[in-house]
């Protein structure tokens, strides 16, 4: 059974940085798209970033709201994907979810993703 487990969330001041990690187990996700989504209280889940690879990273895509501040990357040795978040803003506060897609399409629609983690809370204080 494929499983995704997020870690690295926490409380940080505005302007600070956090690094989220998503550890995948139960199968290899080579050839999959691996994405990050977030959901703030009272809001819908929204796309943050996605990466696709076949042995090496072959594409990334970011939401406009995080472009230039967030970086998604893949650690093949650990079968994990990371999200480096810099210059954090109050509006980045949300539960962040890792997801996997059985395709190399750089999908932004959460409905297309096949596997999800439980989420990790990121709180940015202003």
Foldseek 3Di string as FASTA:
>chain_A
DKAKAKDWADEEAAQAKTKMKIFIDDDAQAQKKKFKWWDDPPGDIWGAKIWHHHVATDDMDGDPVQPPFWDWDADRVRSMIMIIGGNDDQVVWTWMKMFIANHRDGDGDPVRTDYIHPTDTHGYHD
